[in-house]
Amino acid sequence: MDYDVVLEEWRSSLEGVYRERSLSAFAPGTPIDLPPAEIWVVYRGLVQLSTIHAQGEEVLLGIAAPSMPFGLPLTSLSPYFALALTEVNLMNLTVAEIENSPKLSQGLFWYLVHRHQQTEALLSAANYRRVEERLRQFLWLLKQDLGHNVPQGVEASPAPDPSTDCQCHCQH
């Protein structure tokens, strides 16, 4: 199956859902509540996903960008935290909605594959001994996931998402 076609169908499915419901807005630095039976989908912005390990240190699990899902139904980790890194607009879906929509289920699968690959890359980067090597790997990962060419070089920001062109009502 063509990955780009599947992702475009996911975006189209989301656009239809976006038009029918309100979005939740979060300011940078705001923790995002994670209901146990709901999955958030990033409409606009970046969300940091993390946990705390037994020694009490925060562990970065990934960064969710536009159209990417996250939430408690998608993890077995506890605790699991989500934090708005930028101005963020999110749409929530219930597990039942996803189960009842083959297009949403298929698109969710491919974004989950991407999130899994991102987490593996972060784990790999964290195991470099030297801080500068870890930083270099982390910056490379940011460039891969969020990098866009600009006249000055590469900028890390959420990718423009065609599905975000629709008009939506945001709750503040």
N, C-alpha and C. Protein backbone atom coordinates (compact mmCIF):
# COMPACT_ATOMS: atom_id res chain seq x y z
N MET A 1 0.84 -1.19 0.00
CA MET A 1 0.00 0.00 0.00
C MET A 1 0.88 1.25 0.00
N ASP A 2 0.49 2.28 -0.75
CA ASP A 2 1.25 3.51 -0.87
C ASP A 2 1.05 4.37 0.38
N TYR A 3 2.14 4.59 1.13
CA TYR A 3 2.12 5.32 2.38
C TYR A 3 1.54 6.73 2.20
N ASP A 4 1.94 7.43 1.13
CA ASP A 4 1.45 8.80 0.91
C ASP A 4 -0.05 8.82 0.64
N VAL A 5 -0.55 7.83 -0.08
CA VAL A 5 -1.99 7.75 -0.36
C VAL A 5 -2.76 7.53 0.93
N VAL A 6 -2.26 6.62 1.78
CA VAL A 6 -2.92 6.34 3.05
C VAL A 6 -2.96 7.59 3.92
N LEU A 7 -1.84 8.32 3.99
CA LEU A 7 -1.79 9.53 4.82
C LEU A 7 -2.71 10.60 4.27
N GLU A 8 -2.81 10.71 2.95
CA GLU A 8 -3.71 11.70 2.36
C GLU A 8 -5.17 11.34 2.67
N GLU A 9 -5.50 10.05 2.62
CA GLU A 9 -6.86 9.61 2.98
C GLU A 9 -7.14 9.91 4.45
N TRP A 10 -6.14 9.72 5.34
CA TRP A 10 -6.27 10.04 6.77
C TRP A 10 -6.56 11.52 6.93
N ARG A 11 -5.78 12.36 6.25
CA ARG A 11 -6.00 13.80 6.34
C ARG A 11 -7.39 14.18 5.85
N SER A 12 -7.84 13.55 4.75
CA SER A 12 -9.18 13.83 4.23
C SER A 12 -10.25 13.41 5.22
N SER A 13 -10.08 12.24 5.83
CA SER A 13 -11.03 11.78 6.85
C SER A 13 -11.07 12.74 8.01
N LEU A 14 -9.89 13.19 8.44
CA LEU A 14 -9.83 14.13 9.56
C LEU A 14 -10.47 15.46 9.21
N GLU A 15 -10.27 15.90 7.98
CA GLU A 15 -10.88 17.17 7.57
C GLU A 15 -12.39 17.11 7.71
N GLY A 16 -12.98 15.98 7.32
CA GLY A 16 -14.42 15.82 7.47
C GLY A 16 -14.84 15.85 8.93
N VAL A 17 -14.05 15.23 9.79
CA VAL A 17 -14.36 15.22 11.22
C VAL A 17 -14.12 16.61 11.83
N TYR A 18 -13.03 17.28 11.40
CA TYR A 18 -12.72 18.63 11.92
C TYR A 18 -13.89 19.57 11.72
N ARG A 19 -14.51 19.50 10.55
CA ARG A 19 -15.58 20.44 10.22
C ARG A 19 -16.80 20.26 11.12
N GLU A 20 -16.92 19.10 11.74
CA GLU A 20 -18.12 18.80 12.52
C GLU A 20 -17.97 18.98 14.01
N ARG A 21 -16.80 19.38 14.48
CA ARG A 21 -16.66 19.50 15.93
C ARG A 21 -15.71 20.61 16.32
N SER A 22 -15.77 20.93 17.59
CA SER A 22 -14.92 21.98 18.14
C SER A 22 -13.54 21.43 18.44
N LEU A 23 -12.57 22.32 18.40
CA LEU A 23 -11.20 21.99 18.76
C LEU A 23 -10.91 22.56 20.14
N SER A 24 -9.96 21.97 20.82
CA SER A 24 -9.52 22.49 22.11
C SER A 24 -8.18 23.18 21.91
N ALA A 25 -8.05 24.40 22.43
CA ALA A 25 -6.83 25.19 22.27
C ALA A 25 -6.02 25.15 23.56
N PHE A 26 -4.69 25.07 23.39
CA PHE A 26 -3.76 25.05 24.52
C PHE A 26 -2.62 26.02 24.23
N ALA A 27 -2.25 26.81 25.23
CA ALA A 27 -1.13 27.74 25.11
C ALA A 27 0.18 26.98 25.32
N PRO A 28 1.29 27.52 24.82
CA PRO A 28 2.59 26.87 25.04
C PRO A 28 2.84 26.67 26.53
N GLY A 29 3.37 25.50 26.89
CA GLY A 29 3.67 25.18 28.27
C GLY A 29 2.51 24.62 29.07
N THR A 30 1.34 24.48 28.44
CA THR A 30 0.16 23.99 29.14
C THR A 30 0.10 22.47 29.10
N PRO A 31 -0.06 21.83 30.28
CA PRO A 31 -0.27 20.37 30.28
C PRO A 31 -1.62 20.05 29.63
N ILE A 32 -1.67 18.94 28.92
CA ILE A 32 -2.89 18.52 28.23
C ILE A 32 -3.48 17.33 28.96
N ASP A 33 -4.73 17.47 29.37
CA ASP A 33 -5.43 16.39 30.06
C ASP A 33 -5.60 15.21 29.10
N LEU A 34 -5.41 14.00 29.62
CA LEU A 34 -5.51 12.80 28.79
C LEU A 34 -6.63 11.90 29.28
N PRO A 35 -7.85 12.06 28.73
CA PRO A 35 -8.96 11.19 29.13
C PRO A 35 -8.66 9.74 28.77
N PRO A 36 -9.06 8.79 29.61
CA PRO A 36 -8.70 7.39 29.40
C PRO A 36 -9.29 6.72 28.16
N ALA A 37 -10.39 7.20 27.63
CA ALA A 37 -11.01 6.55 26.48
C ALA A 37 -11.00 7.43 25.23
N GLU A 38 -10.14 8.45 25.21
CA GLU A 38 -10.11 9.36 24.07
C GLU A 38 -8.70 9.51 23.54
N ILE A 39 -8.63 9.75 22.24
CA ILE A 39 -7.37 9.98 21.55
C ILE A 39 -7.39 11.40 21.01
N TRP A 40 -6.35 12.16 21.30
CA TRP A 40 -6.21 13.49 20.75
C TRP A 40 -5.53 13.38 19.38
N VAL A 41 -5.91 14.24 18.45
CA VAL A 41 -5.23 14.38 17.17
C VAL A 41 -4.81 15.84 17.06
N VAL A 42 -3.54 16.06 16.76
CA VAL A 42 -3.03 17.43 16.64
C VAL A 42 -3.57 18.04 15.36
N TYR A 43 -4.25 19.15 15.51
CA TYR A 43 -4.76 19.91 14.37
C TYR A 43 -3.72 20.95 13.95
N ARG A 44 -3.14 21.63 14.95
CA ARG A 44 -2.14 22.67 14.70
C ARG A 44 -1.20 22.70 15.90
N GLY A 45 0.10 22.81 15.64
CA GLY A 45 1.09 22.97 16.71
C GLY A 45 1.88 21.70 16.98
N LEU A 46 2.63 21.74 18.11
CA LEU A 46 3.49 20.63 18.52
C LEU A 46 3.21 20.27 19.97
N VAL A 47 3.18 18.96 20.25
CA VAL A 47 2.92 18.46 21.59
C VAL A 47 4.07 17.54 22.00
N GLN A 48 4.64 17.80 23.17
CA GLN A 48 5.69 16.95 23.72
C GLN A 48 5.04 15.81 24.51
N LEU A 49 5.48 14.59 24.25
CA LEU A 49 4.99 13.41 24.95
C LEU A 49 6.12 12.87 25.81
N SER A 50 5.83 12.62 27.09
CA SER A 50 6.89 12.19 27.99
C SER A 50 6.34 11.31 29.11
N THR A 51 7.27 10.72 29.85
CA THR A 51 6.96 9.94 31.04
C THR A 51 8.04 10.26 32.07
N ILE A 52 7.90 9.71 33.25
CA ILE A 52 8.91 9.86 34.30
C ILE A 52 9.33 8.46 34.71
N HIS A 53 10.66 8.20 34.68
CA HIS A 53 11.09 6.86 35.06
C HIS A 53 11.32 6.76 36.56
N ALA A 54 11.63 5.58 37.02
CA ALA A 54 11.69 5.27 38.46
C ALA A 54 12.61 6.20 39.25
N GLN A 55 13.66 6.72 38.63
CA GLN A 55 14.58 7.63 39.33
C GLN A 55 14.05 9.06 39.37
N GLY A 56 12.87 9.29 38.79
CA GLY A 56 12.24 10.60 38.86
C GLY A 56 12.60 11.55 37.73
N GLU A 57 13.34 11.08 36.73
CA GLU A 57 13.72 11.94 35.62
C GLU A 57 12.71 11.82 34.47
N GLU A 58 12.47 12.97 33.83
CA GLU A 58 11.55 12.99 32.69
C GLU A 58 12.23 12.36 31.47
N VAL A 59 11.46 11.59 30.72
CA VAL A 59 11.96 10.94 29.51
C VAL A 59 11.09 11.38 28.34
N LEU A 60 11.72 11.97 27.32
CA LEU A 60 11.01 12.39 26.12
C LEU A 60 10.65 11.16 25.30
N LEU A 61 9.38 10.99 25.00
CA LEU A 61 8.91 9.86 24.20
C LEU A 61 8.69 10.23 22.74
N GLY A 62 8.45 11.50 22.49
CA GLY A 62 8.23 11.93 21.12
C GLY A 62 7.59 13.30 21.06
N ILE A 63 7.42 13.77 19.84
CA ILE A 63 6.76 15.05 19.59
C ILE A 63 5.67 14.79 18.56
N ALA A 64 4.45 15.12 18.93
CA ALA A 64 3.32 14.95 18.02
C ALA A 64 3.12 16.24 17.23
N ALA A 65 3.11 16.12 15.92
CA ALA A 65 2.94 17.24 14.99
C ALA A 65 1.54 17.13 14.36
N PRO A 66 1.15 18.07 13.49
CA PRO A 66 -0.19 18.04 12.89
C PRO A 66 -0.56 16.68 12.30
N SER A 67 -1.81 16.29 12.58
CA SER A 67 -2.46 15.04 12.17
C SER A 67 -2.01 13.82 12.98
N MET A 68 -1.07 13.99 13.91
CA MET A 68 -0.58 12.85 14.70
C MET A 68 -1.46 12.63 15.93
N PRO A 69 -1.76 11.36 16.21
CA PRO A 69 -2.57 11.02 17.39
C PRO A 69 -1.70 10.75 18.61
N PHE A 70 -2.29 10.95 19.79
CA PHE A 70 -1.66 10.56 21.05
C PHE A 70 -2.75 10.43 22.09
N GLY A 71 -2.46 9.74 23.17
CA GLY A 71 -3.43 9.61 24.26
C GLY A 71 -3.22 8.32 25.03
N LEU A 72 -3.92 8.22 26.15
CA LEU A 72 -3.78 7.05 27.02
C LEU A 72 -4.14 5.73 26.34
N PRO A 73 -5.16 5.67 25.46
CA PRO A 73 -5.44 4.38 24.82
C PRO A 73 -4.29 3.88 23.93
N LEU A 74 -3.33 4.75 23.62
CA LEU A 74 -2.23 4.38 22.72
C LEU A 74 -0.94 4.06 23.46
N THR A 75 -0.98 3.98 24.79
CA THR A 75 0.24 3.71 25.55
C THR A 75 -0.05 2.77 26.71
N SER A 76 0.99 2.12 27.17
CA SER A 76 0.88 1.32 28.39
C SER A 76 1.70 1.96 29.50
N LEU A 77 2.31 3.11 29.22
CA LEU A 77 3.14 3.78 30.20
C LEU A 77 2.31 4.55 31.22
N SER A 78 2.79 4.53 32.43
CA SER A 78 2.18 5.34 33.48
C SER A 78 3.31 5.80 34.40
N PRO A 79 3.48 7.07 34.58
CA PRO A 79 2.66 8.17 34.05
C PRO A 79 3.01 8.48 32.60
N TYR A 80 2.08 9.14 31.94
CA TYR A 80 2.22 9.56 30.55
C TYR A 80 1.73 11.00 30.48
N PHE A 81 2.57 11.89 29.97
CA PHE A 81 2.24 13.31 29.97
C PHE A 81 2.27 13.89 28.56
N ALA A 82 1.44 14.89 28.34
CA ALA A 82 1.45 15.65 27.09
C ALA A 82 1.50 17.13 27.45
N LEU A 83 2.38 17.86 26.77
CA LEU A 83 2.59 19.28 27.05
C LEU A 83 2.61 20.04 25.73
N ALA A 84 1.84 21.13 25.64
CA ALA A 84 1.84 21.96 24.44
C ALA A 84 3.19 22.68 24.34
N LEU A 85 3.90 22.47 23.25
CA LEU A 85 5.18 23.17 23.03
C LEU A 85 4.97 24.50 22.33
N THR A 86 3.89 24.59 21.55
CA THR A 86 3.54 25.81 20.81
C THR A 86 2.06 26.04 21.06
N GLU A 87 1.49 27.05 20.42
CA GLU A 87 0.03 27.18 20.42
C GLU A 87 -0.49 25.90 19.76
N VAL A 88 -1.38 25.20 20.44
CA VAL A 88 -1.84 23.90 19.95
C VAL A 88 -3.36 23.88 19.87
N ASN A 89 -3.88 23.31 18.79
CA ASN A 89 -5.31 23.02 18.66
C ASN A 89 -5.42 21.52 18.48
N LEU A 90 -6.28 20.90 19.29
CA LEU A 90 -6.44 19.46 19.28
C LEU A 90 -7.89 19.07 19.05
N MET A 91 -8.08 17.94 18.40
CA MET A 91 -9.40 17.35 18.23
C MET A 91 -9.37 16.02 18.97
N ASN A 92 -10.46 15.71 19.69
CA ASN A 92 -10.49 14.41 20.35
C ASN A 92 -11.43 13.46 19.61
N LEU A 93 -11.01 12.20 19.60
CA LEU A 93 -11.80 11.12 19.02
C LEU A 93 -11.92 10.03 20.09
N THR A 94 -13.05 9.37 20.12
CA THR A 94 -13.19 8.25 21.03
C THR A 94 -12.67 7.00 20.34
N VAL A 95 -12.30 6.03 21.13
CA VAL A 95 -11.85 4.76 20.57
C VAL A 95 -12.96 4.15 19.71
N ALA A 96 -14.20 4.27 20.14
CA ALA A 96 -15.34 3.73 19.38
C ALA A 96 -15.45 4.38 18.00
N GLU A 97 -15.24 5.69 17.90
CA GLU A 97 -15.28 6.37 16.60
C GLU A 97 -14.24 5.81 15.65
N ILE A 98 -13.05 5.57 16.17
CA ILE A 98 -11.96 5.04 15.34
C ILE A 98 -12.26 3.61 14.92
N GLU A 99 -12.77 2.82 15.86
CA GLU A 99 -13.11 1.42 15.55
C GLU A 99 -14.19 1.33 14.47
N ASN A 100 -15.09 2.31 14.42
CA ASN A 100 -16.20 2.29 13.47
C ASN A 100 -15.88 2.94 12.13
N SER A 101 -14.65 3.43 11.96
CA SER A 101 -14.27 4.08 10.71
C SER A 101 -13.01 3.44 10.15
N PRO A 102 -13.14 2.64 9.08
CA PRO A 102 -11.95 2.01 8.50
C PRO A 102 -10.90 3.02 8.06
N LYS A 103 -11.32 4.16 7.49
CA LYS A 103 -10.34 5.15 7.04
C LYS A 103 -9.60 5.76 8.23
N LEU A 104 -10.32 6.10 9.29
CA LEU A 104 -9.64 6.64 10.48
C LEU A 104 -8.71 5.59 11.08
N SER A 105 -9.15 4.36 11.14
CA SER A 105 -8.32 3.28 11.71
C SER A 105 -7.05 3.09 10.89
N GLN A 106 -7.18 3.08 9.58
CA GLN A 106 -6.02 2.87 8.72
C GLN A 106 -5.04 4.04 8.84
N GLY A 107 -5.55 5.25 8.82
CA GLY A 107 -4.68 6.43 8.97
C GLY A 107 -4.01 6.46 10.32
N LEU A 108 -4.75 6.14 11.36
CA LEU A 108 -4.19 6.09 12.70
C LEU A 108 -3.05 5.09 12.77
N PHE A 109 -3.23 3.95 12.13
CA PHE A 109 -2.18 2.93 12.12
C PHE A 109 -0.87 3.50 11.57
N TRP A 110 -0.93 4.19 10.42
CA TRP A 110 0.30 4.70 9.82
C TRP A 110 0.94 5.80 10.65
N TYR A 111 0.14 6.63 11.29
CA TYR A 111 0.74 7.64 12.17
C TYR A 111 1.32 6.99 13.42
N LEU A 112 0.74 5.90 13.89
CA LEU A 112 1.30 5.19 15.03
C LEU A 112 2.61 4.51 14.66
N VAL A 113 2.70 4.02 13.44
CA VAL A 113 3.97 3.47 12.96
C VAL A 113 5.03 4.56 13.00
N HIS A 114 4.68 5.75 12.51
CA HIS A 114 5.63 6.86 12.53
C HIS A 114 6.04 7.21 13.96
N ARG A 115 5.07 7.28 14.88
CA ARG A 115 5.38 7.58 16.29
C ARG A 115 6.29 6.51 16.88
N HIS A 116 6.05 5.25 16.55
CA HIS A 116 6.89 4.16 17.03
C HIS A 116 8.32 4.33 16.52
N GLN A 117 8.47 4.65 15.23
CA GLN A 117 9.79 4.86 14.66
C GLN A 117 10.49 6.05 15.32
N GLN A 118 9.72 7.11 15.59
CA GLN A 118 10.29 8.29 16.26
C GLN A 118 10.79 7.92 17.65
N THR A 119 10.01 7.14 18.39
CA THR A 119 10.41 6.73 19.74
C THR A 119 11.65 5.85 19.70
N GLU A 120 11.71 4.93 18.75
CA GLU A 120 12.91 4.11 18.61
C GLU A 120 14.15 4.96 18.34
N ALA A 121 14.00 5.96 17.46
CA ALA A 121 15.13 6.84 17.14
C ALA A 121 15.55 7.64 18.37
N LEU A 122 14.59 8.10 19.17
CA LEU A 122 14.93 8.83 20.40
C LEU A 122 15.66 7.93 21.39
N LEU A 123 15.21 6.70 21.52
CA LEU A 123 15.88 5.75 22.40
C LEU A 123 17.30 5.49 21.94
N SER A 124 17.47 5.34 20.66
CA SER A 124 18.80 5.13 20.11
C SER A 124 19.70 6.33 20.38
N ALA A 125 19.19 7.53 20.15
CA ALA A 125 19.97 8.76 20.37
C ALA A 125 20.34 8.92 21.84
N ALA A 126 19.45 8.53 22.73
CA ALA A 126 19.71 8.68 24.18
C ALA A 126 20.86 7.80 24.65
N ASN A 127 21.19 6.78 23.89
CA ASN A 127 22.25 5.86 24.32
C ASN A 127 23.64 6.27 23.87
N TYR A 128 23.77 7.38 23.17
CA TYR A 128 25.11 7.89 22.85
C TYR A 128 25.75 8.36 24.15
N ARG A 129 27.01 8.04 24.34
CA ARG A 129 27.70 8.38 25.59
C ARG A 129 27.96 9.87 25.73
N ARG A 130 28.45 10.48 24.66
CA ARG A 130 28.84 11.89 24.74
C ARG A 130 27.63 12.78 24.51
N VAL A 131 27.52 13.84 25.31
CA VAL A 131 26.40 14.77 25.22
C VAL A 131 26.31 15.37 23.83
N GLU A 132 27.43 15.74 23.24
CA GLU A 132 27.39 16.37 21.91
C GLU A 132 26.88 15.39 20.86
N GLU A 133 27.17 14.09 21.01
CA GLU A 133 26.63 13.10 20.07
C GLU A 133 25.12 12.95 20.25
N ARG A 134 24.66 12.93 21.51
CA ARG A 134 23.22 12.86 21.76
C ARG A 134 22.51 14.07 21.19
N LEU A 135 23.09 15.26 21.40
CA LEU A 135 22.49 16.50 20.88
C LEU A 135 22.45 16.47 19.36
N ARG A 136 23.54 16.05 18.73
CA ARG A 136 23.59 15.98 17.28
C ARG A 136 22.49 15.04 16.75
N GLN A 137 22.32 13.88 17.38
CA GLN A 137 21.30 12.94 16.96
C GLN A 137 19.89 13.51 17.17
N PHE A 138 19.68 14.18 18.30
CA PHE A 138 18.37 14.78 18.58
C PHE A 138 18.05 15.86 17.54
N LEU A 139 19.02 16.71 17.22
CA LEU A 139 18.80 17.75 16.22
C LEU A 139 18.53 17.13 14.84
N TRP A 140 19.23 16.04 14.52
CA TRP A 140 18.98 15.35 13.25
C TRP A 140 17.55 14.82 13.22
N LEU A 141 17.09 14.25 14.34
CA LEU A 141 15.71 13.75 14.42
C LEU A 141 14.70 14.88 14.24
N LEU A 142 14.95 16.02 14.89
CA LEU A 142 14.06 17.17 14.72
C LEU A 142 14.01 17.60 13.26
N LYS A 143 15.17 17.61 12.62
CA LYS A 143 15.23 17.99 11.21
C LYS A 143 14.43 17.00 10.37
N GLN A 144 14.55 15.70 10.63
CA GLN A 144 13.83 14.69 9.87
C GLN A 144 12.32 14.83 10.03
N ASP A 145 11.86 15.04 11.27
CA ASP A 145 10.42 15.08 11.54
C ASP A 145 9.79 16.45 11.30
N LEU A 146 10.52 17.51 11.59
CA LEU A 146 9.91 18.84 11.58
C LEU A 146 10.65 19.84 10.70
N GLY A 147 11.72 19.41 10.03
CA GLY A 147 12.55 20.33 9.26
C GLY A 147 11.95 20.75 7.95
N HIS A 148 12.05 22.03 7.66
CA HIS A 148 11.58 22.61 6.40
C HIS A 148 12.67 23.53 5.90
N ASN A 149 12.96 23.46 4.61
CA ASN A 149 13.97 24.33 4.04
C ASN A 149 13.47 25.77 4.01
N VAL A 150 14.33 26.66 4.48
CA VAL A 150 14.09 28.10 4.42
C VAL A 150 15.36 28.73 3.84
N PRO A 151 15.30 29.99 3.41
CA PRO A 151 16.49 30.60 2.80
C PRO A 151 17.73 30.54 3.70
N GLN A 152 17.55 30.59 5.02
CA GLN A 152 18.69 30.58 5.93
C GLN A 152 19.20 29.18 6.26
N GLY A 153 18.51 28.13 5.79
CA GLY A 153 18.91 26.76 6.09
C GLY A 153 17.69 25.89 6.33
N VAL A 154 17.59 25.33 7.55
CA VAL A 154 16.47 24.46 7.90
C VAL A 154 15.82 25.00 9.17
N GLU A 155 14.49 25.04 9.15
CA GLU A 155 13.73 25.49 10.31
C GLU A 155 12.91 24.30 10.82
N ALA A 156 12.89 24.12 12.14
CA ALA A 156 12.07 23.06 12.74
C ALA A 156 10.76 23.67 13.20
N SER A 157 9.68 23.28 12.53
CA SER A 157 8.34 23.76 12.88
C SER A 157 7.34 22.76 12.34
N PRO A 158 6.10 22.82 12.83
CA PRO A 158 5.10 21.89 12.29
C PRO A 158 4.95 22.07 10.79
N ALA A 159 4.82 20.97 10.09
CA ALA A 159 4.65 21.03 8.64
C ALA A 159 3.30 21.64 8.31
N PRO A 160 3.24 22.42 7.24
CA PRO A 160 1.93 22.86 6.79
C PRO A 160 1.11 21.63 6.46
N ASP A 161 -0.12 21.57 6.94
CA ASP A 161 -0.97 20.40 6.75
C ASP A 161 -2.18 20.82 5.95
N PRO A 162 -2.39 20.22 4.79
CA PRO A 162 -3.54 20.61 3.97
C PRO A 162 -4.86 20.48 4.71
N SER A 163 -4.96 19.56 5.66
CA SER A 163 -6.23 19.38 6.36
C SER A 163 -6.50 20.51 7.34
N THR A 164 -5.51 21.36 7.62
CA THR A 164 -5.73 22.45 8.56
C THR A 164 -6.25 23.70 7.87
N ASP A 165 -6.51 23.63 6.57
CA ASP A 165 -7.04 24.79 5.86
C ASP A 165 -8.54 24.99 6.09
N CYS A 166 -9.21 23.98 6.65
CA CYS A 166 -10.64 24.11 6.84
C CYS A 166 -10.95 25.03 8.02
N GLN A 167 -12.14 25.56 8.03
CA GLN A 167 -12.56 26.45 9.11
C GLN A 167 -13.10 25.63 10.28
N CYS A 168 -12.57 25.87 11.46
CA CYS A 168 -13.00 25.14 12.65
C CYS A 168 -13.26 26.10 13.78
N HIS A 169 -14.06 25.69 14.72
CA HIS A 169 -14.35 26.48 15.90
C HIS A 169 -13.47 25.98 17.05
N CYS A 170 -12.65 26.86 17.59
CA CYS A 170 -11.74 26.46 18.68
C CYS A 170 -12.29 26.90 20.01
N GLN A 171 -12.24 26.00 20.98
CA GLN A 171 -12.63 26.31 22.36
C GLN A 171 -11.39 26.75 23.12
N HIS A 172 -11.50 27.82 23.87
CA HIS A 172 -10.34 28.30 24.66
C HIS A 172 -10.58 28.04 26.12
